[in-house]
Amino acid sequence: MSIKNTIKVKENNALQTVNIEQFADEGFDNVDSKSLALPFLKVLGQLSPQVTQGDSNFIPDAKAGMIYNTVTDELYDGHKGITVIPCYYKLEYIEWKDRDKGAVAPVNVYPADSDIMSKTTRGDDGKDRLSNGNYVEETASHYVLICEEGSQSTALITMKSTQRKKSKKWNSMMMSLRAKKKDGKGFFRPAPFTQKYLLKTVLEKNNKGSWYGWEIEHQGAVGSEELMKTAYEFY
């Protein structure tokens, strides 16, 4: 989301232009990371609150297959997709209570090297459950920079369940990239935050039903030094 760096105001009934750029970064003295909500980018499904009429989170223009920003409420056409720069990756194991038990936040978050999965058994519903009845999901977190025309914004994409293979594929794409060295002698692996990817959504099916998932395509290197710097700072 971007706005103009000048605004027009009336003073003594005369229209004047005020340059808001002169106040850049002022007024955020006490705002730190604990005061901010990092937007999540989610793929809307057929039962998502945003597409369910009558739900308090219903958005009239929302449709299954769209990409939704949880902070700005922006909707992106899943067929056209959005361009992002991957800045950071983290794998975690997240423990949840069942939704019918009022679950609104994780019970526990375990690091990638945890042995928590060895303490679970596969339930009839296909979930990996602990002895307390809670289930654990292997969750991949991709922190990205959304690249819109004229502006950038940060967001988090979590991939779990059927989308874990998409996360692994994305990581493999990044790991397999090679760029030629300036001296022409050999190649190097470019950092993830130097590359752009197009994220679209596709309809997927199995014998249990259908849903929308991610489709990821490499677009090439970031062409702007300023944009690459912004991505690096987020990393």
Protein backbone atom coordinates (compact mmCIF):
# COMPACT_ATOMS: atom_id res chain seq x y z
CA MET A 1 0.00 0.00 0.00
CA SER A 2 1.39 3.42 -0.94
CA ILE A 3 0.20 7.01 -0.65
CA LYS A 4 1.33 10.29 -2.18
CA ASN A 5 4.09 12.23 -0.46
CA THR A 6 2.05 15.43 -0.64
CA ILE A 7 -1.47 16.22 0.56
CA LYS A 8 -3.78 19.12 -0.15
CA VAL A 9 -5.33 20.99 2.78
CA LYS A 10 -7.46 24.08 3.16
CA GLU A 11 -6.09 26.95 5.20
CA ASN A 12 -8.10 30.16 5.42
CA ASN A 13 -10.24 28.78 2.59
CA ALA A 14 -7.17 28.58 0.34
CA LEU A 15 -6.00 25.23 -1.03
CA GLN A 16 -2.38 24.53 -0.15
CA THR A 17 -0.02 21.60 -0.69
CA VAL A 18 1.79 20.14 2.31
CA ASN A 19 4.89 17.95 1.89
CA ILE A 20 4.51 15.02 4.31
CA GLU A 21 7.94 13.64 3.39
CA GLN A 22 9.55 16.20 5.71
CA PHE A 23 8.10 14.22 8.65
CA ALA A 24 9.45 10.86 7.47
CA ASP A 25 9.84 8.27 10.29
CA GLU A 26 8.67 10.74 12.97
CA GLY A 27 6.15 9.67 15.63
CA PHE A 28 7.19 6.02 15.95
CA ASP A 29 9.39 6.49 19.01
CA ASN A 30 7.70 3.82 21.13
CA VAL A 31 6.70 1.43 18.36
CA ASP A 32 8.83 -1.74 18.33
CA SER A 33 8.33 -5.27 17.00
CA LYS A 34 6.09 -6.13 19.97
CA SER A 35 3.70 -3.36 18.90
CA LEU A 36 3.27 -4.65 15.34
CA ALA A 37 1.27 -7.41 13.70
CA LEU A 38 3.09 -9.21 10.91
CA PRO A 39 0.62 -9.87 8.10
CA PHE A 40 -0.04 -13.45 7.08
CA LEU A 41 -0.62 -14.29 3.43
CA LYS A 42 -3.26 -17.01 3.26
CA VAL A 43 -4.93 -18.93 0.47
CA LEU A 44 -8.69 -18.64 0.91
CA GLY A 45 -10.64 -21.90 0.81
CA GLN A 46 -14.31 -22.69 0.29
CA LEU A 47 -14.94 -22.52 4.06
CA SER A 48 -12.73 -19.53 4.94
CA PRO A 49 -14.51 -16.89 7.07
CA GLN A 50 -13.78 -14.23 4.44
CA VAL A 51 -15.87 -16.05 1.81
CA THR A 52 -18.64 -17.20 4.19
CA GLN A 53 -21.62 -14.85 4.06
CA GLY A 54 -22.88 -14.06 7.55
CA ASP A 55 -19.47 -14.50 9.17
CA SER A 56 -18.13 -11.42 10.99
CA ASN A 57 -14.99 -11.60 8.81
CA PHE A 58 -16.91 -11.88 5.53
CA ILE A 59 -15.55 -9.77 2.65
CA PRO A 60 -17.99 -9.35 -0.28
CA ASP A 61 -15.26 -9.51 -2.96
CA ALA A 62 -13.48 -12.51 -1.46
CA LYS A 63 -13.53 -15.81 -3.35
CA ALA A 64 -11.95 -19.21 -2.77
CA GLY A 65 -8.53 -19.35 -4.37
CA MET A 66 -7.69 -15.70 -3.65
CA ILE A 67 -4.65 -14.69 -1.61
CA TYR A 68 -5.57 -12.75 1.55
CA ASN A 69 -3.51 -10.35 3.68
CA THR A 70 -4.67 -10.75 7.29
CA VAL A 71 -3.61 -7.25 8.43
CA THR A 72 -4.55 -5.02 5.48
CA ASP A 73 -7.51 -7.19 4.32
CA GLU A 74 -6.12 -6.89 0.79
CA LEU A 75 -7.17 -9.56 -1.69
CA TYR A 76 -4.99 -10.77 -4.57
CA ASP A 77 -6.15 -12.69 -7.61
CA GLY A 78 -4.76 -16.18 -7.12
CA HIS A 79 -4.72 -16.85 -10.87
CA LYS A 80 -2.54 -13.80 -11.55
CA GLY A 81 -0.53 -14.24 -8.37
CA ILE A 82 1.76 -11.90 -6.47
CA THR A 83 5.49 -11.29 -6.65
CA VAL A 84 7.49 -11.84 -3.46
CA ILE A 85 11.11 -11.94 -2.36
CA PRO A 86 11.86 -14.71 0.18
CA CYS A 87 13.85 -13.22 3.04
CA TYR A 88 13.93 -15.80 5.83
CA TYR A 89 12.88 -19.40 6.45
CA LYS A 90 12.13 -21.27 9.68
CA LEU A 91 10.77 -24.75 10.42
CA GLU A 92 8.86 -25.40 13.66
CA TYR A 93 6.54 -27.97 15.22
CA ILE A 94 3.37 -26.33 16.53
CA GLU A 95 1.09 -27.93 19.12
CA TRP A 96 -2.64 -27.16 18.89
CA LYS A 97 -5.82 -27.99 20.71
CA ASP A 98 -8.79 -28.95 18.54
CA ARG A 99 -10.86 -26.03 17.31
CA ASP A 100 -14.00 -27.25 19.08
CA LYS A 101 -12.07 -26.79 22.34
CA GLY A 102 -11.68 -23.07 21.76
CA ALA A 103 -8.20 -23.09 20.23
CA VAL A 104 -7.19 -19.61 19.09
CA ALA A 105 -3.43 -19.80 19.61
CA PRO A 106 -0.74 -22.51 19.71
CA VAL A 107 -0.29 -24.42 22.97
CA ASN A 108 3.45 -24.81 22.34
CA VAL A 109 5.98 -24.09 19.61
CA TYR A 110 8.92 -26.49 19.28
CA PRO A 111 12.13 -25.82 17.30
CA ALA A 112 13.18 -27.78 14.22
CA ASP A 113 15.59 -29.97 16.20
CA SER A 114 12.93 -31.03 18.73
CA ASP A 115 12.05 -34.71 19.19
CA ILE A 116 8.38 -33.88 19.80
CA MET A 117 7.17 -35.84 16.75
CA SER A 118 8.59 -39.06 18.24
CA LYS A 119 6.10 -38.58 21.09
CA THR A 120 3.06 -38.50 18.80
CA THR A 121 0.86 -41.19 17.26
CA ARG A 122 -1.18 -40.85 14.08
CA GLY A 123 -4.89 -40.43 14.91
CA ASP A 124 -7.87 -41.64 12.88
CA ASP A 125 -8.19 -38.10 11.52
CA GLY A 126 -4.64 -38.24 10.14
CA LYS A 127 -3.25 -35.83 12.73
CA ASP A 128 -0.16 -36.52 14.86
CA ARG A 129 -1.44 -36.47 18.43
CA LEU A 130 0.26 -36.29 21.82
CA SER A 131 -0.90 -38.23 24.87
CA ASN A 132 -2.77 -35.10 26.08
CA GLY A 133 -4.97 -35.19 22.97
CA ASN A 134 -3.40 -32.17 21.31
CA TYR A 135 -1.99 -32.50 17.80
CA VAL A 136 1.33 -31.30 16.38
CA GLU A 137 1.84 -29.85 12.90
CA GLU A 138 5.16 -29.53 11.11
CA THR A 139 5.01 -25.92 9.95
CA ALA A 140 7.29 -24.10 7.52
CA SER A 141 7.41 -20.29 7.84
CA HIS A 142 8.51 -18.21 4.85
CA TYR A 143 9.05 -14.53 5.64
CA VAL A 144 8.67 -12.56 2.41
CA LEU A 145 8.70 -9.07 0.97
CA ILE A 146 5.62 -8.41 -1.18
CA CYS A 147 6.56 -6.42 -4.27
CA GLU A 148 3.70 -4.28 -5.53
CA GLU A 149 3.97 -1.50 -8.06
CA GLY A 150 5.65 1.39 -6.28
CA SER A 151 5.65 -0.17 -2.79
CA GLN A 152 6.79 -3.12 -0.70
CA SER A 153 5.44 -4.73 2.45
CA THR A 154 6.50 -7.61 4.69
CA ALA A 155 4.45 -10.73 5.31
CA LEU A 156 4.59 -14.32 6.57
CA ILE A 157 3.48 -17.42 4.69
CA THR A 158 3.07 -20.62 6.70
CA MET A 159 2.95 -23.95 4.89
CA LYS A 160 1.82 -27.14 6.61
CA SER A 161 -0.07 -30.35 5.89
CA THR A 162 -0.54 -30.70 2.11
CA GLN A 163 1.49 -27.53 1.48
CA ARG A 164 4.69 -28.79 3.17
CA LYS A 165 5.78 -30.34 -0.14
CA LYS A 166 5.37 -26.88 -1.74
CA SER A 167 7.66 -25.41 0.90
CA LYS A 168 10.25 -28.12 0.29
CA LYS A 169 10.02 -27.57 -3.47
CA TRP A 170 10.50 -23.81 -2.98
CA ASN A 171 13.54 -24.36 -0.79
CA SER A 172 14.95 -26.79 -3.35
CA MET A 173 14.45 -24.21 -6.09
CA MET A 174 16.37 -21.63 -4.09
CA MET A 175 19.15 -24.04 -3.15
CA SER A 176 19.65 -25.20 -6.74
CA LEU A 177 20.06 -21.71 -8.25
CA ARG A 178 23.51 -20.76 -9.50
CA ALA A 179 24.86 -17.44 -10.76
CA LYS A 180 28.11 -16.81 -12.59
CA LYS A 181 30.86 -15.05 -10.65
CA LYS A 182 31.99 -11.62 -11.82
CA ASP A 183 35.44 -12.90 -12.71
CA GLY A 184 33.85 -15.62 -14.80
CA LYS A 185 35.59 -18.34 -12.81
CA GLY A 186 32.88 -20.60 -11.53
CA PHE A 187 29.45 -20.09 -10.00
CA PHE A 188 27.91 -19.24 -6.63
CA ARG A 189 24.55 -19.80 -4.95
CA PRO A 190 22.69 -16.47 -4.67
CA ALA A 191 21.04 -15.52 -1.39
CA PRO A 192 17.23 -16.03 -1.37
CA PHE A 193 16.59 -12.31 -0.81
CA THR A 194 18.23 -11.51 -4.16
CA GLN A 195 15.57 -13.42 -6.11
CA LYS A 196 11.90 -12.85 -7.02
CA TYR A 197 9.16 -15.48 -7.16
CA LEU A 198 5.61 -15.45 -8.47
CA LEU A 199 3.13 -17.10 -6.08
CA LYS A 200 -0.17 -18.25 -7.57
CA THR A 201 -2.91 -20.59 -6.31
CA VAL A 202 -4.20 -23.79 -7.91
CA LEU A 203 -7.05 -26.16 -7.15
CA GLU A 204 -5.84 -29.47 -5.73
CA LYS A 205 -7.71 -32.71 -5.07
CA ASN A 206 -7.39 -36.11 -3.44
CA ASN A 207 -9.79 -38.79 -2.24
CA LYS A 208 -10.62 -36.68 0.84
CA GLY A 209 -11.71 -33.56 -1.05
CA SER A 210 -10.42 -30.45 -2.79
CA TRP A 211 -8.65 -27.29 -1.72
CA TYR A 212 -6.53 -24.44 -3.09
CA GLY A 213 -2.78 -24.54 -2.68
CA TRP A 214 0.33 -22.62 -3.69
CA GLU A 215 2.08 -22.68 -7.05
CA ILE A 216 5.57 -21.16 -7.07
CA GLU A 217 7.56 -19.90 -10.05
CA HIS A 218 11.02 -18.31 -10.12
CA GLN A 219 10.98 -14.91 -11.85
CA GLY A 220 14.66 -14.05 -11.77
CA ALA A 221 17.00 -11.79 -9.84
CA VAL A 222 15.89 -8.62 -8.06
CA GLY A 223 16.72 -5.82 -10.47
CA SER A 224 16.81 -2.94 -7.99
CA GLU A 225 19.63 -2.30 -5.53
CA GLU A 226 17.22 -0.40 -3.26
CA LEU A 227 14.69 -3.25 -3.30
CA MET A 228 17.41 -5.79 -2.54
CA LYS A 229 18.57 -3.66 0.39
CA THR A 230 15.01 -3.58 1.78
CA ALA A 231 14.78 -7.37 1.47
CA TYR A 232 18.16 -7.80 3.16
CA GLU A 233 17.09 -5.58 6.07
CA PHE A 234 14.01 -7.74 6.59
CA TYR A 235 16.22 -10.85 6.53
